[in-house]
Amino acid sequence: MGSGFFTCVDGARVRVVEEGDPHALVTVVLVHCYALDHGEWDRLMPELERSCDVPVRVLRYDHRGSGESEPMTA
């Protein structure tokens, strides 16, 4: 569990946050809306973990040019 950066083919870094059980059979990917970042899901995380019947792994990321991710390069 943790957060870090994924490096794209063009070298730009995308912020990725991983939470929950890294070995879970179910992975949920949360995608934020326009002009926001992965923090949009902060309030949902405790409820998501409580409401699932099985362990889950949750990935949240910042789109290119949003939050802590770098923009696309030319």
N, C-alpha and C. Protein backbone atom coordinates (compact mmCIF):
# COMPACT_ATOMS: atom_id res chain seq x y z
N MET A 1 0.83 -1.19 0.00
CA MET A 1 0.00 0.00 0.00
C MET A 1 0.87 1.24 0.00
N GLY A 2 0.44 2.19 -0.76
CA GLY A 2 1.21 3.42 -0.77
C GLY A 2 0.91 4.23 -2.00
N SER A 3 1.75 5.17 -2.23
CA SER A 3 1.58 5.99 -3.41
C SER A 3 2.93 6.19 -4.05
N GLY A 4 2.89 6.52 -5.29
CA GLY A 4 4.12 6.74 -6.02
C GLY A 4 3.79 7.28 -7.39
N PHE A 5 4.71 7.13 -8.29
CA PHE A 5 4.53 7.62 -9.64
C PHE A 5 4.75 6.49 -10.63
N PHE A 6 3.94 6.48 -11.67
CA PHE A 6 4.10 5.59 -12.80
C PHE A 6 4.71 6.43 -13.90
N THR A 7 5.78 5.94 -14.52
CA THR A 7 6.42 6.69 -15.60
C THR A 7 5.91 6.20 -16.94
N CYS A 8 5.36 7.11 -17.71
CA CYS A 8 4.80 6.80 -19.03
C CYS A 8 5.92 6.65 -20.05
N VAL A 9 5.58 6.16 -21.21
CA VAL A 9 6.55 5.94 -22.28
C VAL A 9 7.28 7.22 -22.65
N ASP A 10 6.58 8.36 -22.59
CA ASP A 10 7.21 9.63 -22.95
C ASP A 10 7.98 10.26 -21.80
N GLY A 11 8.04 9.56 -20.66
CA GLY A 11 8.82 10.04 -19.51
C GLY A 11 8.03 10.82 -18.48
N ALA A 12 6.79 11.19 -18.80
CA ALA A 12 5.96 11.94 -17.85
C ALA A 12 5.56 11.02 -16.69
N ARG A 13 5.47 11.60 -15.50
CA ARG A 13 5.13 10.83 -14.31
C ARG A 13 3.68 11.07 -13.93
N VAL A 14 2.97 9.97 -13.63
CA VAL A 14 1.56 10.01 -13.24
C VAL A 14 1.46 9.54 -11.79
N ARG A 15 0.81 10.35 -10.94
CA ARG A 15 0.63 10.00 -9.52
C ARG A 15 -0.37 8.85 -9.41
N VAL A 16 0.01 7.81 -8.67
CA VAL A 16 -0.86 6.66 -8.42
C VAL A 16 -0.88 6.40 -6.92
N VAL A 17 -2.08 6.19 -6.37
CA VAL A 17 -2.25 5.86 -4.95
C VAL A 17 -2.89 4.48 -4.87
N GLU A 18 -2.25 3.56 -4.15
CA GLU A 18 -2.78 2.21 -3.96
C GLU A 18 -3.17 2.04 -2.50
N GLU A 19 -4.38 1.52 -2.27
CA GLU A 19 -4.87 1.29 -0.91
C GLU A 19 -5.54 -0.07 -0.86
N GLY A 20 -5.74 -0.57 0.36
CA GLY A 20 -6.40 -1.85 0.54
C GLY A 20 -5.41 -3.00 0.49
N ASP A 21 -5.93 -4.18 0.22
CA ASP A 21 -5.14 -5.42 0.20
C ASP A 21 -4.45 -5.58 -1.14
N PRO A 22 -3.12 -5.50 -1.19
CA PRO A 22 -2.43 -5.60 -2.48
C PRO A 22 -2.57 -6.99 -3.12
N HIS A 23 -3.00 -7.97 -2.36
CA HIS A 23 -3.16 -9.34 -2.89
C HIS A 23 -4.62 -9.70 -3.13
N ALA A 24 -5.51 -8.74 -3.02
CA ALA A 24 -6.95 -9.00 -3.19
C ALA A 24 -7.24 -9.49 -4.61
N LEU A 25 -8.28 -10.30 -4.74
CA LEU A 25 -8.71 -10.79 -6.04
C LEU A 25 -9.48 -9.73 -6.82
N VAL A 26 -9.95 -8.70 -6.13
CA VAL A 26 -10.72 -7.63 -6.75
C VAL A 26 -9.94 -6.32 -6.67
N THR A 27 -9.79 -5.66 -7.82
CA THR A 27 -9.16 -4.34 -7.87
C THR A 27 -10.18 -3.34 -8.39
N VAL A 28 -10.34 -2.24 -7.65
CA VAL A 28 -11.23 -1.16 -8.04
C VAL A 28 -10.36 0.02 -8.47
N VAL A 29 -10.66 0.58 -9.63
CA VAL A 29 -9.93 1.75 -10.12
C VAL A 29 -10.89 2.94 -10.09
N LEU A 30 -10.53 3.97 -9.32
CA LEU A 30 -11.35 5.17 -9.20
C LEU A 30 -10.75 6.26 -10.07
N VAL A 31 -11.58 6.82 -10.96
CA VAL A 31 -11.13 7.83 -11.92
C VAL A 31 -11.83 9.14 -11.59
N HIS A 32 -11.06 10.20 -11.42
CA HIS A 32 -11.65 11.49 -11.05
C HIS A 32 -12.22 12.23 -12.26
N CYS A 33 -13.02 13.24 -11.98
CA CYS A 33 -13.64 14.07 -13.01
C CYS A 33 -12.68 15.16 -13.48
N TYR A 34 -13.11 15.89 -14.47
CA TYR A 34 -12.34 16.99 -15.05
C TYR A 34 -11.95 18.01 -13.98
N ALA A 35 -10.71 18.45 -14.03
CA ALA A 35 -10.17 19.53 -13.19
C ALA A 35 -10.09 19.16 -11.71
N LEU A 36 -10.13 17.89 -11.37
CA LEU A 36 -9.97 17.45 -9.99
C LEU A 36 -8.73 16.56 -9.90
N ASP A 37 -8.58 15.82 -8.80
CA ASP A 37 -7.46 14.90 -8.65
C ASP A 37 -7.90 13.69 -7.83
N HIS A 38 -6.96 12.80 -7.51
CA HIS A 38 -7.31 11.56 -6.80
C HIS A 38 -7.95 11.82 -5.44
N GLY A 39 -7.75 13.00 -4.88
CA GLY A 39 -8.31 13.35 -3.59
C GLY A 39 -9.83 13.43 -3.59
N GLU A 40 -10.42 13.49 -4.79
CA GLU A 40 -11.88 13.51 -4.91
C GLU A 40 -12.50 12.30 -4.20
N TRP A 41 -11.76 11.22 -4.10
CA TRP A 41 -12.28 9.97 -3.54
C TRP A 41 -11.98 9.80 -2.05
N ASP A 42 -11.32 10.75 -1.41
CA ASP A 42 -10.93 10.59 0.00
C ASP A 42 -12.11 10.23 0.91
N ARG A 43 -13.23 10.92 0.75
CA ARG A 43 -14.38 10.66 1.63
C ARG A 43 -15.03 9.31 1.38
N LEU A 44 -14.88 8.79 0.18
CA LEU A 44 -15.49 7.50 -0.17
C LEU A 44 -14.70 6.31 0.36
N MET A 45 -13.41 6.45 0.51
CA MET A 45 -12.55 5.31 0.83
C MET A 45 -12.97 4.52 2.07
N PRO A 46 -13.24 5.14 3.22
CA PRO A 46 -13.64 4.35 4.39
C PRO A 46 -14.93 3.56 4.15
N GLU A 47 -15.89 4.16 3.47
CA GLU A 47 -17.16 3.48 3.19
C GLU A 47 -16.97 2.34 2.19
N LEU A 48 -16.14 2.55 1.20
CA LEU A 48 -15.87 1.50 0.22
C LEU A 48 -15.28 0.27 0.89
N GLU A 49 -14.32 0.47 1.75
CA GLU A 49 -13.68 -0.65 2.45
C GLU A 49 -14.67 -1.37 3.36
N ARG A 50 -15.56 -0.63 4.01
CA ARG A 50 -16.56 -1.25 4.91
C ARG A 50 -17.64 -2.00 4.15
N SER A 51 -18.01 -1.51 2.99
CA SER A 51 -19.16 -2.07 2.29
C SER A 51 -18.84 -3.29 1.43
N CYS A 52 -17.59 -3.57 1.19
CA CYS A 52 -17.23 -4.72 0.36
C CYS A 52 -17.20 -5.99 1.20
N ASP A 53 -17.73 -7.07 0.62
CA ASP A 53 -17.78 -8.35 1.32
C ASP A 53 -16.45 -9.09 1.25
N VAL A 54 -15.58 -8.67 0.37
CA VAL A 54 -14.28 -9.32 0.20
C VAL A 54 -13.20 -8.24 0.24
N PRO A 55 -11.97 -8.64 0.51
CA PRO A 55 -10.88 -7.65 0.46
C PRO A 55 -10.75 -7.08 -0.95
N VAL A 56 -10.48 -5.79 -1.03
CA VAL A 56 -10.30 -5.14 -2.33
C VAL A 56 -9.02 -4.32 -2.33
N ARG A 57 -8.48 -4.17 -3.50
CA ARG A 57 -7.35 -3.28 -3.75
C ARG A 57 -7.93 -2.10 -4.50
N VAL A 58 -7.58 -0.89 -4.10
CA VAL A 58 -8.12 0.31 -4.75
C VAL A 58 -6.96 1.12 -5.33
N LEU A 59 -7.08 1.46 -6.61
CA LEU A 59 -6.11 2.32 -7.27
C LEU A 59 -6.80 3.62 -7.63
N ARG A 60 -6.15 4.73 -7.27
CA ARG A 60 -6.61 6.07 -7.66
C ARG A 60 -5.43 6.75 -8.32
N TYR A 61 -5.70 7.57 -9.31
CA TYR A 61 -4.59 8.26 -9.97
C TYR A 61 -5.03 9.64 -10.42
N ASP A 62 -4.05 10.48 -10.68
CA ASP A 62 -4.30 11.81 -11.23
C ASP A 62 -4.09 11.74 -12.74
N HIS A 63 -5.09 12.19 -13.50
CA HIS A 63 -4.94 12.25 -14.95
C HIS A 63 -3.74 13.10 -15.31
N ARG A 64 -3.23 12.92 -16.51
CA ARG A 64 -2.11 13.73 -17.00
C ARG A 64 -2.48 15.21 -16.91
N GLY A 65 -1.61 16.00 -16.30
CA GLY A 65 -1.85 17.43 -16.17
C GLY A 65 -2.76 17.82 -15.03
N SER A 66 -3.19 16.86 -14.22
CA SER A 66 -4.04 17.15 -13.07
C SER A 66 -3.33 16.73 -11.79
N GLY A 67 -3.68 17.37 -10.69
CA GLY A 67 -3.09 17.01 -9.40
C GLY A 67 -1.57 16.99 -9.46
N GLU A 68 -0.99 15.87 -9.06
CA GLU A 68 0.47 15.74 -9.02
C GLU A 68 1.06 15.10 -10.27
N SER A 69 0.22 14.79 -11.27
CA SER A 69 0.73 14.19 -12.51
C SER A 69 1.25 15.26 -13.46
N GLU A 70 2.25 14.88 -14.22
CA GLU A 70 2.82 15.80 -15.19
C GLU A 70 1.95 15.84 -16.45
N PRO A 71 1.96 16.97 -17.15
CA PRO A 71 1.18 17.06 -18.39
C PRO A 71 1.83 16.26 -19.52
N MET A 72 1.07 16.07 -20.59
CA MET A 72 1.63 15.41 -21.78
C MET A 72 2.73 16.28 -22.35
N THR A 73 3.73 15.63 -22.88
CA THR A 73 4.81 16.38 -23.51
C THR A 73 4.66 16.29 -25.02
N ALA A 74 5.17 17.28 -25.68
CA ALA A 74 5.04 17.30 -27.16
C ALA A 74 6.07 16.42 -27.82
